[in-house]
Amino acid sequence: MTPEQFRAWRKANGWKQRELADRLGLKRRMIQYYERGNRDGKDVEIPRTVRLACYAIACGVEEFDGRTVQWAMHTEEDLDTTPADEDDDD
């Protein structure tokens, strides 16, 4: 994941840097470094653990204790798989 992809992913989810930092258990400053791709003139790579945590969040995982996954709560609208152009009353 490049710094540009990381920033685009955060923005696509509508999160502020602070919100994503809280979700990942990081300081906001680290989010800024990852989005810039450098810290004090030195390249910063987004660690694999952070990339995997981003993937887990994207899949709806809110918490994991080593055995049990706590999934994000979704509204019924989020879970509706009916195509928008189909009628429900057949």
Protein backbone atom coordinates (compact mmCIF):
# COMPACT_ATOMS: atom_id res chain seq x y z
CA MET A 1 0.00 0.00 0.00
CA THR A 2 1.49 3.31 -1.07
CA PRO A 3 1.05 6.53 0.91
CA GLU A 4 -1.34 7.74 -1.80
CA GLN A 5 -3.41 4.54 -1.59
CA PHE A 6 -3.47 4.75 2.20
CA ARG A 7 -4.74 8.34 2.13
CA ALA A 8 -7.28 7.60 -0.60
CA TRP A 9 -8.58 4.59 1.38
CA ARG A 10 -9.00 6.72 4.51
CA LYS A 11 -10.79 9.47 2.60
CA ALA A 12 -13.01 6.99 0.73
CA ASN A 13 -14.22 5.77 4.12
CA GLY A 14 -14.90 9.33 5.26
CA TRP A 15 -12.52 9.18 8.24
CA LYS A 16 -10.44 11.99 9.62
CA GLN A 17 -6.84 11.16 10.47
CA ARG A 18 -7.74 11.05 14.18
CA GLU A 19 -10.60 8.60 13.55
CA LEU A 20 -8.39 6.22 11.60
CA ALA A 21 -5.64 6.53 14.19
CA ASP A 22 -8.13 5.53 16.90
CA ARG A 23 -9.35 2.55 14.85
CA LEU A 24 -5.79 1.36 14.28
CA GLY A 25 -4.58 2.11 17.81
CA LEU A 26 -2.01 4.60 16.53
CA LYS A 27 -1.17 8.23 17.12
CA ARG A 28 -2.51 10.70 14.56
CA ARG A 29 1.08 11.66 13.81
CA MET A 30 1.78 8.14 12.48
CA ILE A 31 -1.16 8.43 10.09
CA GLN A 32 0.34 11.69 8.84
CA TYR A 33 3.74 10.01 8.32
CA TYR A 34 2.17 7.09 6.44
CA GLU A 35 0.20 9.46 4.21
CA ARG A 36 3.26 11.57 3.43
CA GLY A 37 5.55 8.58 3.06
CA ASN A 38 8.31 10.24 5.04
CA ARG A 39 9.31 11.35 8.51
CA ASP A 40 11.97 14.01 8.98
CA GLY A 41 13.16 13.49 5.40
CA LYS A 42 13.42 9.69 5.73
CA ASP A 43 11.15 7.27 3.87
CA VAL A 44 8.43 5.65 5.96
CA GLU A 45 6.94 2.35 4.86
CA ILE A 46 3.47 1.40 6.04
CA PRO A 47 4.10 -1.73 8.13
CA ARG A 48 2.52 -5.02 7.15
CA THR A 49 0.63 -5.08 10.46
CA VAL A 50 -1.00 -1.74 9.62
CA ARG A 51 -1.83 -2.86 6.08
CA LEU A 52 -3.43 -6.04 7.43
CA ALA A 53 -5.35 -4.06 10.05
CA CYS A 54 -6.67 -1.80 7.27
CA TYR A 55 -7.80 -4.91 5.38
CA ALA A 56 -9.54 -6.27 8.48
CA ILE A 57 -11.33 -2.95 9.00
CA ALA A 58 -12.34 -2.91 5.34
CA CYS A 59 -13.83 -6.41 5.83
CA GLY A 60 -15.87 -5.20 8.80
CA VAL A 61 -13.76 -6.54 11.67
CA GLU A 62 -13.99 -4.27 14.71
CA GLU A 63 -12.17 -6.40 17.29
CA PHE A 64 -10.28 -9.69 17.45
CA ASP A 65 -9.13 -11.36 20.66
CA GLY A 66 -7.26 -14.24 19.07
CA ARG A 67 -10.34 -16.46 18.94
CA THR A 68 -13.45 -14.39 18.32
CA VAL A 69 -14.13 -11.74 15.72
CA GLN A 70 -16.35 -8.80 16.60
CA TRP A 71 -17.92 -7.58 13.37
CA ALA A 72 -18.95 -4.01 12.66
CA MET A 73 -22.64 -3.33 13.08
CA HIS A 74 -24.45 -2.70 9.83
CA THR A 75 -27.82 -1.22 9.15
CA GLU A 76 -30.36 -3.27 7.18
CA GLU A 77 -29.71 -0.94 4.26
CA ASP A 78 -26.00 -1.92 4.34
CA LEU A 79 -26.97 -5.60 4.27
CA ASP A 80 -29.62 -5.32 1.52
CA THR A 81 -28.42 -7.38 -1.44
CA THR A 82 -31.51 -6.80 -3.61
CA PRO A 83 -30.54 -5.04 -6.85
CA ALA A 84 -32.03 -1.56 -6.90
CA ASP A 85 -33.96 -2.12 -10.13
CA GLU A 86 -35.81 -5.27 -9.01
CA ASP A 87 -39.24 -5.24 -7.36
CA ASP A 88 -39.76 -7.16 -4.12
CA ASP A 89 -43.44 -7.96 -4.71
CA ASP A 90 -43.65 -10.85 -7.18
